[in-house]
PDB file of N, CA and C in Angstrom:
ATOM      1  N   UNK A   1     -24.087  -6.092  40.548  1.00  0.00           N
ATOM      2  CA  UNK A   1     -24.720  -5.039  39.770  1.00  0.00           C
ATOM      3  C   UNK A   1     -24.339  -3.653  40.318  1.00  0.00           C
ATOM      4  N   UNK A   2     -24.130  -3.571  41.626  1.00  0.00           N
ATOM      5  CA  UNK A   2     -23.762  -2.300  42.232  1.00  0.00           C
ATOM      6  C   UNK A   2     -22.440  -1.783  41.669  1.00  0.00           C
ATOM      7  N   UNK A   3     -21.486  -2.694  41.454  1.00  0.00           N
ATOM      8  CA  UNK A   3     -20.187  -2.312  40.902  1.00  0.00           C
ATOM      9  C   UNK A   3     -20.354  -1.768  39.483  1.00  0.00           C
ATOM     10  N   UNK A   4     -21.214  -2.388  38.696  1.00  0.00           N
ATOM     11  CA  UNK A   4     -21.470  -1.918  37.326  1.00  0.00           C
ATOM     12  C   UNK A   4     -21.939  -0.472  37.332  1.00  0.00           C
ATOM     13  N   UNK A   5     -22.903  -0.134  38.194  1.00  0.00           N
ATOM     14  CA  UNK A   5     -23.430   1.225  38.228  1.00  0.00           C
ATOM     15  C   UNK A   5     -22.408   2.212  38.777  1.00  0.00           C
ATOM     16  N   UNK A   6     -21.574   1.782  39.688  1.00  0.00           N
ATOM     17  CA  UNK A   6     -20.513   2.639  40.202  1.00  0.00           C
ATOM     18  C   UNK A   6     -19.532   2.966  39.079  1.00  0.00           C
ATOM     19  N   UNK A   7     -19.133   1.949  38.319  1.00  0.00           N
ATOM     20  CA  UNK A   7     -18.233   2.161  37.182  1.00  0.00           C
ATOM     21  C   UNK A   7     -18.896   3.053  36.138  1.00  0.00           C
ATOM     22  N   UNK A   8     -20.177   2.808  35.868  1.00  0.00           N
ATOM     23  CA  UNK A   8     -20.924   3.640  34.918  1.00  0.00           C
ATOM     24  C   UNK A   8     -20.870   5.113  35.332  1.00  0.00           C
ATOM     25  N   UNK A   9     -21.084   5.382  36.600  1.00  0.00           N
ATOM     26  CA  UNK A   9     -21.037   6.755  37.093  1.00  0.00           C
ATOM     27  C   UNK A   9     -19.674   7.394  36.899  1.00  0.00           C
ATOM     28  N   UNK A  10     -18.615   6.655  37.219  1.00  0.00           N
ATOM     29  CA  UNK A  10     -17.262   7.200  37.043  1.00  0.00           C
ATOM     30  C   UNK A  10     -16.904   7.390  35.571  1.00  0.00           C
ATOM     31  N   UNK A  11     -17.317   6.449  34.716  1.00  0.00           N
ATOM     32  CA  UNK A  11     -17.042   6.578  33.277  1.00  0.00           C
ATOM     33  C   UNK A  11     -17.739   7.813  32.715  1.00  0.00           C
ATOM     34  N   UNK A  12     -19.008   8.014  33.075  1.00  0.00           N
ATOM     35  CA  UNK A  12     -19.715   9.182  32.546  1.00  0.00           C
ATOM     36  C   UNK A  12     -19.240  10.479  33.184  1.00  0.00           C
ATOM     37  N   UNK A  13     -18.715  10.422  34.387  1.00  0.00           N
ATOM     38  CA  UNK A  13     -18.080  11.609  34.957  1.00  0.00           C
ATOM     39  C   UNK A  13     -16.929  12.026  34.057  1.00  0.00           C
ATOM     40  N   UNK A  14     -16.088  11.081  33.699  1.00  0.00           N
ATOM     41  CA  UNK A  14     -14.944  11.371  32.835  1.00  0.00           C
ATOM     42  C   UNK A  14     -15.393  11.851  31.452  1.00  0.00           C
ATOM     43  N   UNK A  15     -16.417  11.222  30.899  1.00  0.00           N
ATOM     44  CA  UNK A  15     -16.895  11.628  29.573  1.00  0.00           C
ATOM     45  C   UNK A  15     -17.471  13.038  29.578  1.00  0.00           C
ATOM     46  N   UNK A  16     -18.209  13.386  30.619  1.00  0.00           N
ATOM     47  CA  UNK A  16     -18.760  14.739  30.680  1.00  0.00           C
ATOM     48  C   UNK A  16     -17.668  15.772  30.946  1.00  0.00           C
ATOM     49  N   UNK A  17     -16.644  15.413  31.708  1.00  0.00           N
ATOM     50  CA  UNK A  17     -15.509  16.327  31.896  1.00  0.00           C
ATOM     51  C   UNK A  17     -14.811  16.539  30.557  1.00  0.00           C
ATOM     52  N   UNK A  18     -14.660  15.485  29.773  1.00  0.00           N
ATOM     53  CA  UNK A  18     -14.097  15.620  28.437  1.00  0.00           C
ATOM     54  C   UNK A  18     -14.969  16.532  27.568  1.00  0.00           C
ATOM     55  N   UNK A  19     -16.291  16.357  27.665  1.00  0.00           N
ATOM     56  CA  UNK A  19     -17.210  17.206  26.894  1.00  0.00           C
ATOM     57  C   UNK A  19     -17.053  18.674  27.283  1.00  0.00           C
ATOM     58  N   UNK A  20     -16.805  18.917  28.556  1.00  0.00           N
ATOM     59  CA  UNK A  20     -16.556  20.291  29.008  1.00  0.00           C
ATOM     60  C   UNK A  20     -15.272  20.819  28.372  1.00  0.00           C
ATOM     61  N   UNK A  21     -14.230  20.002  28.375  1.00  0.00           N
ATOM     62  CA  UNK A  21     -12.921  20.431  27.873  1.00  0.00           C
ATOM     63  C   UNK A  21     -12.949  20.806  26.394  1.00  0.00           C
ATOM     64  N   UNK A  22     -13.772  20.152  25.602  1.00  0.00           N
ATOM     65  CA  UNK A  22     -13.786  20.432  24.165  1.00  0.00           C
ATOM     66  C   UNK A  22     -14.736  21.569  23.782  1.00  0.00           C
ATOM     67  N   UNK A  23     -15.343  22.217  24.765  1.00  0.00           N
ATOM     68  CA  UNK A  23     -16.253  23.323  24.473  1.00  0.00           C
ATOM     69  C   UNK A  23     -15.533  24.671  24.394  1.00  0.00           C
ATOM     70  N   UNK A  24     -14.226  24.702  24.621  1.00  0.00           N
ATOM     71  CA  UNK A  24     -13.489  25.956  24.744  1.00  0.00           C
ATOM     72  C   UNK A  24     -13.649  26.890  23.551  1.00  0.00           C
ATOM     73  N   UNK A  25     -13.830  26.372  22.355  1.00  0.00           N
ATOM     74  CA  UNK A  25     -13.951  27.230  21.178  1.00  0.00           C
ATOM     75  C   UNK A  25     -15.395  27.430  20.723  1.00  0.00           C
ATOM     76  N   UNK A  26     -16.353  26.973  21.506  1.00  0.00           N
ATOM     77  CA  UNK A  26     -17.764  27.136  21.170  1.00  0.00           C
ATOM     78  C   UNK A  26     -18.195  28.566  21.500  1.00  0.00           C
ATOM     79  N   UNK A  27     -18.987  29.196  20.647  1.00  0.00           N
ATOM     80  CA  UNK A  27     -19.427  30.566  20.934  1.00  0.00           C
ATOM     81  C   UNK A  27     -20.232  30.683  22.233  1.00  0.00           C
ATOM     82  N   UNK A  28     -20.934  29.643  22.610  1.00  0.00           N
ATOM     83  CA  UNK A  28     -21.710  29.664  23.856  1.00  0.00           C
ATOM     84  C   UNK A  28     -21.148  28.639  24.841  1.00  0.00           C
ATOM     85  N   UNK A  29     -19.831  28.658  24.982  1.00  0.00           N
ATOM     86  CA  UNK A  29     -19.126  27.656  25.786  1.00  0.00           C
ATOM     87  C   UNK A  29     -19.575  27.635  27.240  1.00  0.00           C
ATOM     88  N   UNK A  30     -19.818  28.798  27.824  1.00  0.00           N
ATOM     89  CA  UNK A  30     -20.177  28.850  29.248  1.00  0.00           C
ATOM     90  C   UNK A  30     -21.467  28.074  29.500  1.00  0.00           C
ATOM     91  N   UNK A  31     -22.418  28.208  28.596  1.00  0.00           N
ATOM     92  CA  UNK A  31     -23.679  27.471  28.729  1.00  0.00           C
ATOM     93  C   UNK A  31     -23.416  25.971  28.772  1.00  0.00           C
ATOM     94  N   UNK A  32     -22.547  25.489  27.897  1.00  0.00           N
ATOM     95  CA  UNK A  32     -22.265  24.058  27.828  1.00  0.00           C
ATOM     96  C   UNK A  32     -21.374  23.602  28.967  1.00  0.00           C
ATOM     97  N   UNK A  33     -20.529  24.491  29.497  1.00  0.00           N
ATOM     98  CA  UNK A  33     -19.773  24.158  30.711  1.00  0.00           C
ATOM     99  C   UNK A  33     -20.735  23.838  31.848  1.00  0.00           C
ATOM    100  N   UNK A  34     -21.762  24.655  31.982  1.00  0.00           N
ATOM    101  CA  UNK A  34     -22.742  24.449  33.058  1.00  0.00           C
ATOM    102  C   UNK A  34     -23.554  23.175  32.806  1.00  0.00           C
ATOM    103  N   UNK A  35     -24.033  23.014  31.584  1.00  0.00           N
ATOM    104  CA  UNK A  35     -24.877  21.865  31.250  1.00  0.00           C
ATOM    105  C   UNK A  35     -24.127  20.544  31.465  1.00  0.00           C
ATOM    106  N   UNK A  36     -22.930  20.446  30.903  1.00  0.00           N
ATOM    107  CA  UNK A  36     -22.166  19.212  31.058  1.00  0.00           C
ATOM    108  C   UNK A  36     -21.539  19.116  32.446  1.00  0.00           C
ATOM    109  N   UNK A  37     -21.281  20.257  33.077  1.00  0.00           N
ATOM    110  CA  UNK A  37     -20.773  20.247  34.445  1.00  0.00           C
ATOM    111  C   UNK A  37     -21.779  19.657  35.418  1.00  0.00           C
ATOM    112  N   UNK A  38     -23.048  20.010  35.248  1.00  0.00           N
ATOM    113  CA  UNK A  38     -24.097  19.415  36.087  1.00  0.00           C
ATOM    114  C   UNK A  38     -24.184  17.906  35.871  1.00  0.00           C
ATOM    115  N   UNK A  39     -24.053  17.485  34.623  1.00  0.00           N
ATOM    116  CA  UNK A  39     -24.098  16.048  34.325  1.00  0.00           C
ATOM    117  C   UNK A  39     -22.888  15.333  34.925  1.00  0.00           C
ATOM    118  N   UNK A  40     -21.712  15.963  34.858  1.00  0.00           N
ATOM    119  CA  UNK A  40     -20.512  15.368  35.453  1.00  0.00           C
ATOM    120  C   UNK A  40     -20.653  15.270  36.963  1.00  0.00           C
ATOM    121  N   UNK A  41     -21.158  16.335  37.589  1.00  0.00           N
ATOM    122  CA  UNK A  41     -21.355  16.322  39.038  1.00  0.00           C
ATOM    123  C   UNK A  41     -22.371  15.261  39.444  1.00  0.00           C
ATOM    124  N   UNK A  42     -23.478  15.181  38.719  1.00  0.00           N
ATOM    125  CA  UNK A  42     -24.495  14.165  39.014  1.00  0.00           C
ATOM    126  C   UNK A  42     -23.919  12.761  38.855  1.00  0.00           C
ATOM    127  N   UNK A  43     -23.107  12.556  37.836  1.00  0.00           N
ATOM    128  CA  UNK A  43     -22.503  11.244  37.618  1.00  0.00           C
ATOM    129  C   UNK A  43     -21.545  10.886  38.747  1.00  0.00           C
ATOM    130  N   UNK A  44     -20.754  11.861  39.183  1.00  0.00           N
ATOM    131  CA  UNK A  44     -19.838  11.615  40.293  1.00  0.00           C
ATOM    132  C   UNK A  44     -20.607  11.305  41.573  1.00  0.00           C
ATOM    133  N   UNK A  45     -21.635  12.091  41.844  1.00  0.00           N
ATOM    134  CA  UNK A  45     -22.445  11.842  43.038  1.00  0.00           C
ATOM    135  C   UNK A  45     -23.119  10.476  42.972  1.00  0.00           C
ATOM    136  N   UNK A  46     -23.573  10.092  41.788  1.00  0.00           N
ATOM    137  CA  UNK A  46     -24.189   8.780  41.618  1.00  0.00           C
ATOM    138  C   UNK A  46     -23.174   7.668  41.912  1.00  0.00           C
ATOM    139  N   UNK A  47     -21.959   7.822  41.380  1.00  0.00           N
ATOM    140  CA  UNK A  47     -20.921   6.815  41.602  1.00  0.00           C
ATOM    141  C   UNK A  47     -20.567   6.689  43.081  1.00  0.00           C
ATOM    142  N   UNK A  48     -20.697   7.795  43.810  1.00  0.00           N
ATOM    143  CA  UNK A  48     -20.381   7.803  45.242  1.00  0.00           C
ATOM    144  C   UNK A  48     -21.607   7.537  46.114  1.00  0.00           C
ATOM    145  N   UNK A  49     -22.722   7.163  45.506  1.00  0.00           N
ATOM    146  CA  UNK A  49     -23.991   6.900  46.199  1.00  0.00           C
ATOM    147  C   UNK A  49     -24.496   8.115  46.980  1.00  0.00           C
ATOM    148  N   UNK A  50     -24.285   9.303  46.426  1.00  0.00           N
ATOM    149  CA  UNK A  50     -24.712  10.540  47.084  1.00  0.00           C
ATOM    150  C   UNK A  50     -25.792  11.289  46.304  1.00  0.00           C
ATOM    151  N   UNK A  51     -26.118  10.830  45.106  1.00  0.00           N
ATOM    152  CA  UNK A  51     -27.121  11.509  44.283  1.00  0.00           C
ATOM    153  C   UNK A  51     -28.511  11.155  44.792  1.00  0.00           C
ATOM    154  N   UNK A  52     -29.324  12.158  44.975  1.00  0.00           N
ATOM    155  CA  UNK A  52     -30.702  11.971  45.441  1.00  0.00           C
ATOM    156  C   UNK A  52     -31.621  11.755  44.241  1.00  0.00           C
ATOM    157  N   UNK A  53     -32.671  10.987  44.466  1.00  0.00           N
ATOM    158  CA  UNK A  53     -33.634  10.686  43.412  1.00  0.00           C
ATOM    159  C   UNK A  53     -34.224  11.958  42.802  1.00  0.00           C
ATOM    160  N   UNK A  54     -34.625  12.904  43.641  1.00  0.00           N
ATOM    161  CA  UNK A  54     -35.265  14.127  43.122  1.00  0.00           C
ATOM    162  C   UNK A  54     -34.331  14.919  42.218  1.00  0.00           C
ATOM    163  N   UNK A  55     -33.039  14.951  42.545  1.00  0.00           N
ATOM    164  CA  UNK A  55     -32.091  15.660  41.675  1.00  0.00           C
ATOM    165  C   UNK A  55     -31.935  14.944  40.343  1.00  0.00           C
ATOM    166  N   UNK A  56     -31.848  13.622  40.386  1.00  0.00           N
ATOM    167  CA  UNK A  56     -31.732  12.862  39.134  1.00  0.00           C
ATOM    168  C   UNK A  56     -32.988  13.048  38.281  1.00  0.00           C
ATOM    169  N   UNK A  57     -34.155  13.017  38.907  1.00  0.00           N
ATOM    170  CA  UNK A  57     -35.413  13.204  38.179  1.00  0.00           C
ATOM    171  C   UNK A  57     -35.511  14.616  37.616  1.00  0.00           C
ATOM    172  N   UNK A  58     -35.111  15.613  38.409  1.00  0.00           N
ATOM    173  CA  UNK A  58     -35.125  16.998  37.938  1.00  0.00           C
ATOM    174  C   UNK A  58     -34.198  17.165  36.740  1.00  0.00           C
ATOM    175  N   UNK A  59     -32.987  16.618  36.841  1.00  0.00           N
ATOM    176  CA  UNK A  59     -32.034  16.743  35.735  1.00  0.00           C
ATOM    177  C   UNK A  59     -32.522  16.011  34.493  1.00  0.00           C
ATOM    178  N   UNK A  60     -33.176  14.871  34.674  1.00  0.00           N
ATOM    179  CA  UNK A  60     -33.776  14.180  33.528  1.00  0.00           C
ATOM    180  C   UNK A  60     -34.757  15.117  32.819  1.00  0.00           C
ATOM    181  N   UNK A  61     -35.665  15.730  33.581  1.00  0.00           N
ATOM    182  CA  UNK A  61     -36.632  16.647  32.986  1.00  0.00           C
ATOM    183  C   UNK A  61     -35.978  17.837  32.308  1.00  0.00           C
ATOM    184  N   UNK A  62     -34.946  18.388  32.953  1.00  0.00           N
ATOM    185  CA  UNK A  62     -34.223  19.524  32.381  1.00  0.00           C
ATOM    186  C   UNK A  62     -33.589  19.141  31.052  1.00  0.00           C
ATOM    187  N   UNK A  63     -32.856  18.028  31.036  1.00  0.00           N
ATOM    188  CA  UNK A  63     -32.140  17.644  29.822  1.00  0.00           C
ATOM    189  C   UNK A  63     -33.087  17.243  28.694  1.00  0.00           C
ATOM    190  N   UNK A  64     -34.143  16.529  28.999  1.00  0.00           N
ATOM    191  CA  UNK A  64     -35.075  16.124  27.942  1.00  0.00           C
ATOM    192  C   UNK A  64     -35.817  17.348  27.398  1.00  0.00           C
ATOM    193  N   UNK A  65     -36.199  18.253  28.281  1.00  0.00           N
ATOM    194  CA  UNK A  65     -36.875  19.475  27.844  1.00  0.00           C
ATOM    195  C   UNK A  65     -35.976  20.346  26.983  1.00  0.00           C
ATOM    196  N   UNK A  66     -34.731  20.486  27.400  1.00  0.00           N
ATOM    197  CA  UNK A  66     -33.790  21.309  26.636  1.00  0.00           C
ATOM    198  C   UNK A  66     -33.459  20.649  25.301  1.00  0.00           C
ATOM    199  N   UNK A  67     -33.402  19.310  25.262  1.00  0.00           N
ATOM    200  CA  UNK A  67     -33.151  18.612  23.999  1.00  0.00           C
ATOM    201  C   UNK A  67     -34.283  18.873  23.006  1.00  0.00           C
ATOM    202  N   UNK A  68     -35.496  18.843  23.496  1.00  0.00           N
ATOM    203  CA  UNK A  68     -36.649  19.132  22.632  1.00  0.00           C
ATOM    204  C   UNK A  68     -36.594  20.576  22.145  1.00  0.00           C
ATOM    205  N   UNK A  69     -36.200  21.482  23.032  1.00  0.00           N
ATOM    206  CA  UNK A  69     -36.122  22.903  22.691  1.00  0.00           C
ATOM    207  C   UNK A  69     -35.082  23.179  21.597  1.00  0.00           C
ATOM    208  N   UNK A  70     -33.913  22.524  21.665  1.00  0.00           N
ATOM    209  CA  UNK A  70     -32.853  22.815  20.697  1.00  0.00           C
ATOM    210  C   UNK A  70     -32.892  21.917  19.462  1.00  0.00           C
ATOM    211  N   UNK A  71     -33.779  20.931  19.444  1.00  0.00           N
ATOM    212  CA  UNK A  71     -33.840  20.032  18.284  1.00  0.00           C
ATOM    213  C   UNK A  71     -34.045  20.853  17.010  1.00  0.00           C
ATOM    214  N   UNK A  72     -33.246  20.595  15.978  1.00  0.00           N
ATOM    215  CA  UNK A  72     -33.371  21.399  14.746  1.00  0.00           C
ATOM    216  C   UNK A  72     -34.679  21.114  14.014  1.00  0.00           C
ATOM    217  N   UNK A  73     -35.117  22.106  13.243  1.00  0.00           N
ATOM    218  CA  UNK A  73     -36.341  21.933  12.454  1.00  0.00           C
ATOM    219  C   UNK A  73     -36.191  20.779  11.477  1.00  0.00           C
ATOM    220  N   UNK A  74     -34.993  20.640  10.940  1.00  0.00           N
ATOM    221  CA  UNK A  74     -34.717  19.544  10.007  1.00  0.00           C
ATOM    222  C   UNK A  74     -33.411  18.895  10.455  1.00  0.00           C
ATOM    223  N   UNK A  75     -33.505  17.664  10.954  1.00  0.00           N
ATOM    224  CA  UNK A  75     -32.306  16.956  11.397  1.00  0.00           C
ATOM    225  C   UNK A  75     -31.536  16.481  10.183  1.00  0.00           C
ATOM    226  N   UNK A  76     -30.265  16.908  10.085  1.00  0.00           N
ATOM    227  CA  UNK A  76     -29.435  16.568   8.934  1.00  0.00           C
ATOM    228  C   UNK A  76     -28.198  15.778   9.328  1.00  0.00           C
ATOM    229  N   UNK A  77     -28.240  15.144  10.472  1.00  0.00           N
ATOM    230  CA  UNK A  77     -27.101  14.358  10.921  1.00  0.00           C
ATOM    231  C   UNK A  77     -26.165  15.177  11.793  1.00  0.00           C
ATOM    232  N   UNK A  78     -24.973  14.646  12.010  1.00  0.00           N
ATOM    233  CA  UNK A  78     -24.010  15.315  12.883  1.00  0.00           C
ATOM    234  C   UNK A  78     -22.664  15.553  12.200  1.00  0.00           C
ATOM    235  N   UNK A  79     -22.543  15.171  10.934  1.00  0.00           N
ATOM    236  CA  UNK A  79     -21.286  15.319  10.211  1.00  0.00           C
ATOM    237  C   UNK A  79     -21.268  16.630   9.452  1.00  0.00           C
ATOM    238  N   UNK A  80     -20.232  17.429   9.692  1.00  0.00           N
ATOM    239  CA  UNK A  80     -20.103  18.710   8.996  1.00  0.00           C
ATOM    240  C   UNK A  80     -19.894  18.442   7.510  1.00  0.00           C
ATOM    241  N   UNK A  81     -20.597  19.217   6.702  1.00  0.00           N
ATOM    242  CA  UNK A  81     -20.510  19.075   5.260  1.00  0.00           C
ATOM    243  C   UNK A  81     -21.672  18.314   4.656  1.00  0.00           C
ATOM    244  N   UNK A  82     -22.542  17.786   5.502  1.00  0.00           N
ATOM    245  CA  UNK A  82     -23.676  17.018   4.986  1.00  0.00           C
ATOM    246  C   UNK A  82     -24.992  17.775   5.082  1.00  0.00           C
ATOM    247  N   UNK A  83     -24.929  19.069   5.328  1.00  0.00           N
ATOM    248  CA  UNK A  83     -26.141  19.862   5.434  1.00  0.00           C
ATOM    249  C   UNK A  83     -25.834  21.228   6.022  1.00  0.00           C
ATOM    250  N   UNK A  84     -26.882  21.919   6.428  1.00  0.00           N
ATOM    251  CA  UNK A  84     -26.754  23.249   7.004  1.00  0.00           C
ATOM    252  C   UNK A  84     -26.037  23.159   8.348  1.00  0.00           C
ATOM    253  N   UNK A  85     -24.988  23.948   8.518  1.00  0.00           N
ATOM    254  CA  UNK A  85     -24.157  23.875   9.724  1.00  0.00           C
ATOM    255  C   UNK A  85     -24.955  24.184  10.989  1.00  0.00           C
ATOM    256  N   UNK A  86     -25.933  25.073  10.894  1.00  0.00           N
ATOM    257  CA  UNK A  86     -26.750  25.404  12.067  1.00  0.00           C
ATOM    258  C   UNK A  86     -27.584  24.188  12.483  1.00  0.00           C
ATOM    259  N   UNK A  87     -28.186  23.508  11.512  1.00  0.00           N
ATOM    260  CA  UNK A  87     -28.956  22.301  11.817  1.00  0.00           C
ATOM    261  C   UNK A  87     -28.065  21.204  12.389  1.00  0.00           C
ATOM    262  N   UNK A  88     -26.879  21.066  11.841  1.00  0.00           N
ATOM    263  CA  UNK A  88     -25.964  20.033  12.327  1.00  0.00           C
ATOM    264  C   UNK A  88     -25.536  20.351  13.760  1.00  0.00           C
ATOM    265  N   UNK A  89     -25.192  21.607  14.046  1.00  0.00           N
ATOM    266  CA  UNK A  89     -24.783  21.995  15.398  1.00  0.00           C
ATOM    267  C   UNK A  89     -25.921  21.785  16.402  1.00  0.00           C
ATOM    268  N   UNK A  90     -27.123  22.186  16.020  1.00  0.00           N
ATOM    269  CA  UNK A  90     -28.270  21.981  16.923  1.00  0.00           C
ATOM    270  C   UNK A  90     -28.565  20.494  17.105  1.00  0.00           C
ATOM    271  N   UNK A  91     -28.387  19.714  16.053  1.00  0.00           N
ATOM    272  CA  UNK A  91     -28.569  18.268  16.165  1.00  0.00           C
ATOM    273  C   UNK A  91     -27.557  17.650  17.112  1.00  0.00           C
ATOM    274  N   UNK A  92     -26.314  18.096  17.023  1.00  0.00           N
ATOM    275  CA  UNK A  92     -25.277  17.604  17.940  1.00  0.00           C
ATOM    276  C   UNK A  92     -25.608  17.971  19.381  1.00  0.00           C
ATOM    277  N   UNK A  93     -26.001  19.222  19.575  1.00  0.00           N
ATOM    278  CA  UNK A  93     -26.351  19.661  20.927  1.00  0.00           C
ATOM    279  C   UNK A  93     -27.518  18.852  21.481  1.00  0.00           C
ATOM    280  N   UNK A  94     -28.537  18.648  20.659  1.00  0.00           N
ATOM    281  CA  UNK A  94     -29.713  17.896  21.102  1.00  0.00           C
ATOM    282  C   UNK A  94     -29.351  16.452  21.434  1.00  0.00           C
ATOM    283  N   UNK A  95     -28.498  15.839  20.633  1.00  0.00           N
ATOM    284  CA  UNK A  95     -28.104  14.460  20.912  1.00  0.00           C
ATOM    285  C   UNK A  95     -27.303  14.355  22.199  1.00  0.00           C
ATOM    286  N   UNK A  96     -26.439  15.328  22.465  1.00  0.00           N
ATOM    287  CA  UNK A  96     -25.715  15.355  23.739  1.00  0.00           C
ATOM    288  C   UNK A  96     -26.666  15.474  24.914  1.00  0.00           C
ATOM    289  N   UNK A  97     -27.677  16.300  24.755  1.00  0.00           N
ATOM    290  CA  UNK A  97     -28.678  16.460  25.815  1.00  0.00           C
ATOM    291  C   UNK A  97     -29.515  15.195  25.988  1.00  0.00           C
ATOM    292  N   UNK A  98     -29.807  14.506  24.888  1.00  0.00           N
ATOM    293  CA  UNK A  98     -30.552  13.242  24.982  1.00  0.00           C
ATOM    294  C   UNK A  98     -29.735  12.167  25.699  1.00  0.00           C
ATOM    295  N   UNK A  99     -28.440  12.139  25.448  1.00  0.00           N
ATOM    296  CA  UNK A  99     -27.576  11.199  26.169  1.00  0.00           C
ATOM    297  C   UNK A  99     -27.614  11.507  27.659  1.00  0.00           C
ATOM    298  N   UNK A 100     -27.471  12.786  27.999  1.00  0.00           N
ATOM    299  CA  UNK A 100     -27.508  13.176  29.415  1.00  0.00           C
ATOM    300  C   UNK A 100     -28.867  12.860  30.032  1.00  0.00           C
ATOM    301  N   UNK A 101     -29.954  13.097  29.303  1.00  0.00           N
ATOM    302  CA  UNK A 101     -31.280  12.824  29.857  1.00  0.00           C
ATOM    303  C   UNK A 101     -31.486  11.331  30.071  1.00  0.00           C
ATOM    304  N   UNK A 102     -31.059  10.518  29.121  1.00  0.00           N
ATOM    305  CA  UNK A 102     -31.182   9.071  29.278  1.00  0.00           C
ATOM    306  C   UNK A 102     -30.386   8.568  30.464  1.00  0.00           C
ATOM    307  N   UNK A 103     -29.215   9.123  30.651  1.00  0.00           N
ATOM    308  CA  UNK A 103     -28.386   8.730  31.783  1.00  0.00           C
ATOM    309  C   UNK A 103     -29.023   9.136  33.108  1.00  0.00           C
ATOM    310  N   UNK A 104     -29.592  10.341  33.163  1.00  0.00           N
ATOM    311  CA  UNK A 104     -30.249  10.786  34.395  1.00  0.00           C
ATOM    312  C   UNK A 104     -31.472   9.919  34.705  1.00  0.00           C
ATOM    313  N   UNK A 105     -32.157   9.464  33.657  1.00  0.00           N
ATOM    314  CA  UNK A 105     -33.280   8.547  33.868  1.00  0.00           C
ATOM    315  C   UNK A 105     -32.787   7.224  34.459  1.00  0.00           C
ATOM    316  N   UNK A 106     -31.686   6.703  33.922  1.00  0.00           N
ATOM    317  CA  UNK A 106     -31.101   5.476  34.474  1.00  0.00           C
ATOM    318  C   UNK A 106     -30.724   5.690  35.939  1.00  0.00           C
ATOM    319  N   UNK A 107     -30.088   6.822  36.231  1.00  0.00           N
ATOM    320  CA  UNK A 107     -29.706   7.121  37.615  1.00  0.00           C
ATOM    321  C   UNK A 107     -30.935   7.173  38.523  1.00  0.00           C
ATOM    322  N   UNK A 108     -31.958   7.895  38.078  1.00  0.00           N
ATOM    323  CA  UNK A 108     -33.167   8.050  38.901  1.00  0.00           C
ATOM    324  C   UNK A 108     -33.827   6.699  39.161  1.00  0.00           C
ATOM    325  N   UNK A 109     -33.949   5.892  38.128  1.00  0.00           N
ATOM    326  CA  UNK A 109     -34.579   4.569  38.299  1.00  0.00           C
ATOM    327  C   UNK A 109     -33.744   3.678  39.203  1.00  0.00           C
ATOM    328  N   UNK A 110     -32.438   3.720  39.030  1.00  0.00           N
ATOM    329  CA  UNK A 110     -31.560   2.913  39.883  1.00  0.00           C
ATOM    330  C   UNK A 110     -31.677   3.346  41.349  1.00  0.00           C
ATOM    331  N   UNK A 111     -31.685   4.637  41.584  1.00  0.00           N
ATOM    332  CA  UNK A 111     -31.810   5.137  42.956  1.00  0.00           C
ATOM    333  C   UNK A 111     -33.154   4.728  43.539  1.00  0.00           C
ATOM    334  N   UNK A 112     -34.211   4.889  42.772  1.00  0.00           N
ATOM    335  CA  UNK A 112     -35.557   4.575  43.243  1.00  0.00           C
ATOM    336  C   UNK A 112     -35.687   3.094  43.572  1.00  0.00           C
ATOM    337  N   UNK A 113     -35.252   2.227  42.663  1.00  0.00           N
ATOM    338  CA  UNK A 113     -35.443   0.797  42.882  1.00  0.00           C
ATOM    339  C   UNK A 113     -34.449   0.204  43.863  1.00  0.00           C
ATOM    340  N   UNK A 114     -33.256   0.758  43.944  1.00  0.00           N
ATOM    341  CA  UNK A 114     -32.302   0.217  44.916  1.00  0.00           C
ATOM    342  C   UNK A 114     -32.670   0.636  46.340  1.00  0.00           C
ATOM    343  N   UNK A 115     -33.328   1.797  46.490  1.00  0.00           N
ATOM    344  CA  UNK A 115     -33.743   2.220  47.829  1.00  0.00           C
ATOM    345  C   UNK A 115     -34.973   1.432  48.299  1.00  0.00           C
ATOM    346  N   UNK A 116     -35.808   0.983  47.359  1.00  0.00           N
ATOM    347  CA  UNK A 116     -36.992   0.192  47.731  1.00  0.00           C
ATOM    348  C   UNK A 116     -36.607  -1.238  48.095  1.00  0.00           C
ATOM    349  N   UNK A 117     -35.516  -1.743  47.517  1.00  0.00           N
ATOM    350  CA  UNK A 117     -35.127  -3.116  47.820  1.00  0.00           C
ATOM    351  C   UNK A 117     -34.276  -3.224  49.081  1.00  0.00           C
ATOM    352  N   UNK A 118     -33.857  -2.085  49.610  1.00  0.00           N
ATOM    353  CA  UNK A 118     -33.025  -2.088  50.827  1.00  0.00           C
ATOM    354  C   UNK A 118     -33.855  -2.268  52.070  1.00  0.00           C
TER     355      UNK A 118
END
């Protein structure tokens, strides 16, 4: 099981680095560089068994709180052309944050339970 979580950490490190790379044309790209950069760093630290429980828990709270904050008033999906572009963009951002928050929760729980069983 340890190998699975190590691979998970490295895979999500790569995915968050990719998410950073595709933000170059976003009007608020710097914000998303930081947001996804923190997730990439946390994923790398998790894969290397260096992520602390408190950091994973803090990042979970940050990402879930920010996802709630940016959630659109009316969710219209994530495909351009199927609704108001502002709602779609906010929906995409919120879903990315929910993915990051869920991952940080997995990291925090794994760190907590693996340290108790040691």
